[in-house]
Amino acid sequence: MTQSFNADSGPWMDMAHALADAARAQTVPLFRTSLAVTAKADDSPVTIADRNAETSMRTLINAQLPQHGIFGEEHGRERMDADYLWVLDPIDGTKSYISGSPLWGTLVALLHKGVPVLGLVDMPMLGERWLAELGSPAQCNGRNVHVSACRDLAQARVYTTSPDIFSAQEWALYDALSRRCAFRRFGGDCYIYAQLAGGSIDLVVESGLQPYDYLSVVTLVQSAGGVMTDWSGQKLGVGSDGRVVAAATPELHAQALDALRAGG
């Protein structure tokens, strides 16, 4: 049975929209401009657009919901023991952003006592905002969306962001699994989860993700009728290992997990 969120969640939805709007105000004007790019400790790129966007988002939370926690990609953690925790990725797909691809987005998740209960995927350059609240239908721009009915790997359209996100052993597993599907494609960052929620693709398998990469999209996928877990079939949370399987149906999800366990 789908768990429902508490009835007074309306303000949280308003905050999620406000956070996405605040990020847009920082990221859109700087897109496809000359930006200095620096490398973080993990060698991933970052720009002033990433940092300023998250600063604006955190300022809103601290001003309006100072009792809530924050976990952001660029500026770290605050009040992680709070009942409500906002998880922020101001630009998911910074490599896409700095190379002029429109397939980057802003991710917002809200966790209540460790459980993802709200997820937002904002795609500013596509004019799409995907939003989901636990227990309610997933939406894109206010229109309800739903996953496909695909139940078999042989008919599945599978995506992952890049071969580079996998270890050598993980890539061997993904390569074997994906070659059993109808076709496989690469790229898209957070947008591939929106495509899954909207029924355009059927399966996403990834590794090397951080909590701010997957916690917003798990609510979106589940609210659209899909299934999303780690590679062991366990629920996703802040402490998950970053390996995820998102599928349109329980049957397809089970086949994907079996393929990963069996080496493809």
Protein backbone atom coordinates (compact mmCIF):
# COMPACT_ATOMS: atom_id res chain seq x y z
CA MET A 1 0.00 0.00 0.00
CA THR A 2 1.26 3.50 -0.85
CA GLN A 3 2.08 5.49 2.25
CA SER A 4 0.50 8.93 2.38
CA PHE A 5 2.12 12.11 3.59
CA ASN A 6 0.53 14.27 6.27
CA ALA A 7 -2.35 16.49 5.28
CA ASP A 8 -0.61 19.79 6.06
CA SER A 9 2.08 19.23 3.43
CA GLY A 10 0.86 22.11 1.27
CA PRO A 11 3.46 24.56 2.61
CA TRP A 12 6.20 22.09 1.73
CA MET A 13 4.99 21.99 -1.88
CA ASP A 14 5.04 25.77 -1.97
CA MET A 15 8.57 25.75 -0.60
CA ALA A 16 9.72 23.21 -3.20
CA HIS A 17 8.45 25.49 -5.98
CA ALA A 18 10.07 28.51 -4.35
CA LEU A 19 13.39 26.69 -4.12
CA ALA A 20 13.27 25.73 -7.79
CA ASP A 21 12.39 29.32 -8.74
CA ALA A 22 15.29 30.64 -6.66
CA ALA A 23 17.70 28.26 -8.38
CA ARG A 24 16.39 29.22 -11.83
CA ALA A 25 17.06 32.88 -11.10
CA GLN A 26 20.74 32.04 -10.64
CA THR A 27 21.30 29.33 -13.24
CA VAL A 28 19.36 30.39 -16.32
CA PRO A 29 21.04 33.81 -16.86
CA LEU A 30 24.48 32.17 -16.72
CA PHE A 31 23.70 29.23 -19.02
CA ARG A 32 25.81 29.25 -22.20
CA THR A 33 27.96 32.11 -20.93
CA SER A 34 31.67 32.12 -20.21
CA LEU A 35 31.96 30.65 -16.72
CA ALA A 36 35.03 29.72 -14.74
CA VAL A 37 34.95 26.01 -13.96
CA THR A 38 36.80 24.62 -10.97
CA ALA A 39 37.28 21.06 -9.77
CA LYS A 40 35.99 19.88 -6.40
CA ALA A 41 37.79 17.38 -4.20
CA ASP A 42 36.24 14.49 -6.13
CA ASP A 43 37.32 16.09 -9.45
CA SER A 44 33.73 16.89 -10.43
CA PRO A 45 33.25 20.36 -11.93
CA VAL A 46 31.52 23.28 -10.22
CA THR A 47 30.71 26.85 -11.20
CA ILE A 48 29.48 30.00 -9.53
CA ALA A 49 26.03 29.15 -10.89
CA ASP A 50 25.94 25.93 -8.81
CA ARG A 51 27.13 27.67 -5.68
CA ASN A 52 24.98 30.79 -5.95
CA ALA A 53 21.88 28.75 -6.71
CA GLU A 54 22.32 26.59 -3.64
CA THR A 55 23.06 29.65 -1.50
CA SER A 56 19.74 31.17 -2.59
CA MET A 57 17.90 27.93 -1.84
CA ARG A 58 19.44 27.57 1.61
CA THR A 59 18.67 31.20 2.44
CA LEU A 60 14.98 30.54 1.79
CA ILE A 61 14.89 27.46 4.01
CA ASN A 62 16.78 29.08 6.85
CA ALA A 63 14.55 32.15 6.73
CA GLN A 64 11.19 30.34 6.53
CA LEU A 65 11.81 26.89 8.03
CA PRO A 66 14.77 27.30 10.38
CA GLN A 67 13.93 24.08 12.23
CA HIS A 68 14.38 22.01 9.05
CA GLY A 69 17.66 20.37 8.07
CA ILE A 70 19.55 20.91 4.82
CA PHE A 71 21.82 18.58 2.85
CA GLY A 72 23.19 20.28 -0.26
CA GLU A 73 25.76 19.25 -2.82
CA GLU A 74 27.72 22.49 -2.72
CA HIS A 75 27.51 23.79 0.85
CA GLY A 76 27.18 20.72 3.01
CA ARG A 77 24.92 19.75 5.89
CA GLU A 78 22.92 21.58 8.53
CA ARG A 79 20.70 20.10 11.25
CA MET A 80 20.84 16.56 9.82
CA ASP A 81 18.97 15.25 12.89
CA ALA A 82 15.88 17.37 12.13
CA ASP A 83 12.60 15.55 11.43
CA TYR A 84 12.37 17.32 8.07
CA LEU A 85 15.43 17.38 5.82
CA TRP A 86 15.70 19.22 2.50
CA VAL A 87 18.15 17.65 0.05
CA LEU A 88 19.33 20.02 -2.70
CA ASP A 89 21.19 19.67 -5.98
CA PRO A 90 21.18 23.11 -7.62
CA ILE A 91 22.52 21.83 -10.95
CA ASP A 92 22.28 18.11 -11.52
CA GLY A 93 24.35 17.64 -14.66
CA THR A 94 27.00 20.33 -14.28
CA LYS A 95 28.95 18.79 -17.18
CA SER A 96 25.85 19.20 -19.34
CA TYR A 97 25.41 22.76 -18.06
CA ILE A 98 28.95 23.87 -18.87
CA SER A 99 28.89 22.19 -22.28
CA GLY A 100 25.67 23.89 -23.36
CA SER A 101 23.35 20.88 -23.19
CA PRO A 102 19.82 21.70 -21.94
CA LEU A 103 19.52 18.37 -20.10
CA TRP A 104 20.51 19.65 -16.67
CA GLY A 105 18.10 20.22 -13.83
CA THR A 106 17.57 21.31 -10.27
CA LEU A 107 16.65 18.63 -7.73
CA VAL A 108 14.75 19.16 -4.49
CA ALA A 109 13.82 16.40 -2.06
CA LEU A 110 12.12 16.52 1.32
CA LEU A 111 12.63 13.68 3.78
CA HIS A 112 10.47 13.17 6.85
CA LYS A 113 12.22 11.09 9.52
CA GLY A 114 14.49 9.64 6.86
CA VAL A 115 11.77 8.78 4.32
CA PRO A 116 11.61 10.65 0.97
CA VAL A 117 8.15 12.23 0.84
CA LEU A 118 8.48 14.95 -1.80
CA GLY A 119 10.55 15.23 -4.95
CA LEU A 120 10.94 17.93 -7.57
CA VAL A 121 12.88 17.83 -10.85
CA ASP A 122 13.04 21.22 -12.55
CA MET A 123 14.27 21.38 -16.16
CA PRO A 124 14.52 25.12 -16.82
CA MET A 125 15.68 24.98 -20.44
CA LEU A 126 12.92 22.53 -21.36
CA GLY A 127 10.21 24.43 -19.50
CA GLU A 128 9.31 21.32 -17.49
CA ARG A 129 8.80 20.93 -13.77
CA TRP A 130 8.18 17.43 -12.47
CA LEU A 131 6.76 17.16 -8.97
CA ALA A 132 5.69 14.31 -6.73
CA GLU A 133 4.37 13.98 -3.20
CA LEU A 134 4.14 10.62 -1.47
CA GLY A 135 0.60 9.29 -1.83
CA SER A 136 -0.38 11.63 -4.72
CA PRO A 137 0.03 11.29 -8.51
CA ALA A 138 3.27 12.49 -10.07
CA GLN A 139 2.91 15.53 -12.30
CA CYS A 140 4.71 17.44 -15.02
CA ASN A 141 3.59 21.06 -15.28
CA GLY A 142 0.43 20.18 -13.40
CA ARG A 143 -0.48 17.21 -15.61
CA ASN A 144 -0.56 13.72 -14.10
CA VAL A 145 2.05 11.33 -15.49
CA HIS A 146 2.49 7.58 -15.24
CA VAL A 147 5.15 5.02 -16.03
CA SER A 148 4.84 2.59 -18.93
CA ALA A 149 3.45 -0.93 -18.64
CA CYS A 150 6.71 -2.64 -19.70
CA ARG A 151 7.26 -5.92 -17.81
CA ASP A 152 10.03 -7.62 -19.80
CA LEU A 153 13.69 -6.76 -20.28
CA ALA A 154 13.45 -7.73 -23.94
CA GLN A 155 11.00 -4.87 -24.56
CA ALA A 156 12.62 -2.36 -22.20
CA ARG A 157 14.14 0.96 -23.20
CA VAL A 158 17.04 1.36 -20.76
CA TYR A 159 19.08 4.46 -19.96
CA THR A 160 22.07 5.38 -17.86
CA THR A 161 23.95 8.66 -17.73
CA SER A 162 27.39 7.42 -18.77
CA PRO A 163 29.57 4.29 -18.79
CA ASP A 164 31.99 6.30 -16.67
CA ILE A 165 29.78 6.10 -13.57
CA PHE A 166 30.41 2.36 -13.20
CA SER A 167 33.39 0.45 -11.87
CA ALA A 168 34.80 -2.17 -14.23
CA GLN A 169 32.82 -4.92 -12.49
CA GLU A 170 29.63 -2.85 -12.42
CA TRP A 171 30.02 -1.98 -16.10
CA ALA A 172 30.27 -5.66 -17.01
CA LEU A 173 26.98 -6.27 -15.19
CA TYR A 174 25.26 -3.28 -16.76
CA ASP A 175 26.60 -4.06 -20.22
CA ALA A 176 25.24 -7.60 -20.09
CA LEU A 177 21.87 -6.49 -18.68
CA SER A 178 21.39 -3.64 -21.14
CA ARG A 179 22.19 -5.82 -24.16
CA ARG A 180 19.16 -7.91 -23.27
CA CYS A 181 16.91 -4.86 -23.60
CA ALA A 182 15.15 -3.48 -26.68
CA PHE A 183 17.73 -0.68 -26.83
CA ARG A 184 20.02 1.30 -24.56
CA ARG A 185 20.91 4.97 -24.53
CA PHE A 186 23.32 7.15 -22.58
CA GLY A 187 23.06 10.67 -21.17
CA GLY A 188 20.37 12.80 -19.60
CA ASP A 189 21.39 13.03 -15.93
CA CYS A 190 18.29 13.57 -13.78
CA TYR A 191 16.04 13.90 -16.83
CA ILE A 192 16.10 10.16 -17.50
CA TYR A 193 14.14 9.61 -14.28
CA ALA A 194 11.56 12.13 -15.45
CA GLN A 195 11.37 10.29 -18.77
CA LEU A 196 10.78 7.07 -16.84
CA ALA A 197 8.05 8.69 -14.74
CA GLY A 198 6.41 9.99 -17.91
CA GLY A 199 6.42 6.60 -19.66
CA SER A 200 8.94 7.43 -22.38
CA ILE A 201 11.53 4.94 -21.15
CA ASP A 202 11.23 1.85 -18.97
CA LEU A 203 14.41 1.26 -16.98
CA VAL A 204 17.30 3.20 -15.45
CA VAL A 205 20.34 1.56 -13.86
CA GLU A 206 23.08 3.71 -12.35
CA SER A 207 25.93 3.71 -9.86
CA GLY A 208 28.12 6.25 -8.10
CA LEU A 209 25.23 8.52 -7.16
CA GLN A 210 25.06 10.76 -4.11
CA PRO A 211 21.93 11.27 -1.95
CA TYR A 212 21.19 14.60 -3.63
CA ASP A 213 21.21 12.77 -7.01
CA TYR A 214 18.57 10.15 -6.20
CA LEU A 215 16.40 11.22 -3.25
CA SER A 216 14.17 13.56 -5.26
CA VAL A 217 13.74 11.20 -8.19
CA VAL A 218 12.80 8.18 -6.05
CA THR A 219 9.62 9.95 -4.96
CA LEU A 220 8.90 10.96 -8.55
CA VAL A 221 9.35 7.44 -9.91
CA GLN A 222 7.30 5.82 -7.15
CA SER A 223 4.48 8.36 -7.35
CA ALA A 224 4.28 7.72 -11.10
CA GLY A 225 3.71 4.02 -10.38
CA GLY A 226 7.28 2.78 -10.78
CA VAL A 227 9.74 1.01 -8.51
CA MET A 228 13.15 2.35 -7.43
CA THR A 229 15.60 0.71 -5.04
CA ASP A 230 19.29 0.01 -4.68
CA TRP A 231 20.85 -2.95 -6.51
CA SER A 232 19.95 -5.22 -3.59
CA GLY A 233 16.30 -4.26 -3.73
CA GLN A 234 16.47 -2.16 -0.56
CA LYS A 235 14.72 1.18 -0.07
CA LEU A 236 16.77 4.28 -0.80
CA GLY A 237 17.77 6.75 1.91
CA VAL A 238 20.57 9.10 2.85
CA GLY A 239 22.84 6.16 3.69
CA SER A 240 22.34 4.13 0.49
CA ASP A 241 25.39 3.12 -1.54
CA GLY A 242 24.49 5.11 -4.67
CA ARG A 243 23.67 2.16 -6.93
CA VAL A 244 20.06 2.42 -8.12
CA VAL A 245 17.58 0.54 -10.28
CA ALA A 246 14.42 2.37 -11.38
CA ALA A 247 11.82 0.45 -13.37
CA ALA A 248 8.34 1.01 -14.74
CA THR A 249 6.85 -2.15 -13.20
CA PRO A 250 7.62 -4.56 -10.36
CA GLU A 251 8.11 -7.35 -12.90
CA LEU A 252 10.71 -5.39 -14.86
CA HIS A 253 12.42 -4.29 -11.67
CA ALA A 254 12.68 -7.90 -10.48
CA GLN A 255 14.15 -9.01 -13.80
CA ALA A 256 16.73 -6.23 -13.70
CA LEU A 257 17.78 -7.14 -10.14
CA ASP A 258 18.00 -10.83 -11.08
CA ALA A 259 20.18 -9.95 -14.07
CA LEU A 260 22.53 -7.87 -11.94
CA ARG A 261 22.81 -10.64 -9.33
CA ALA A 262 23.40 -13.29 -11.99
CA GLY A 263 26.01 -11.27 -13.82
CA GLY A 264 23.68 -10.22 -16.60
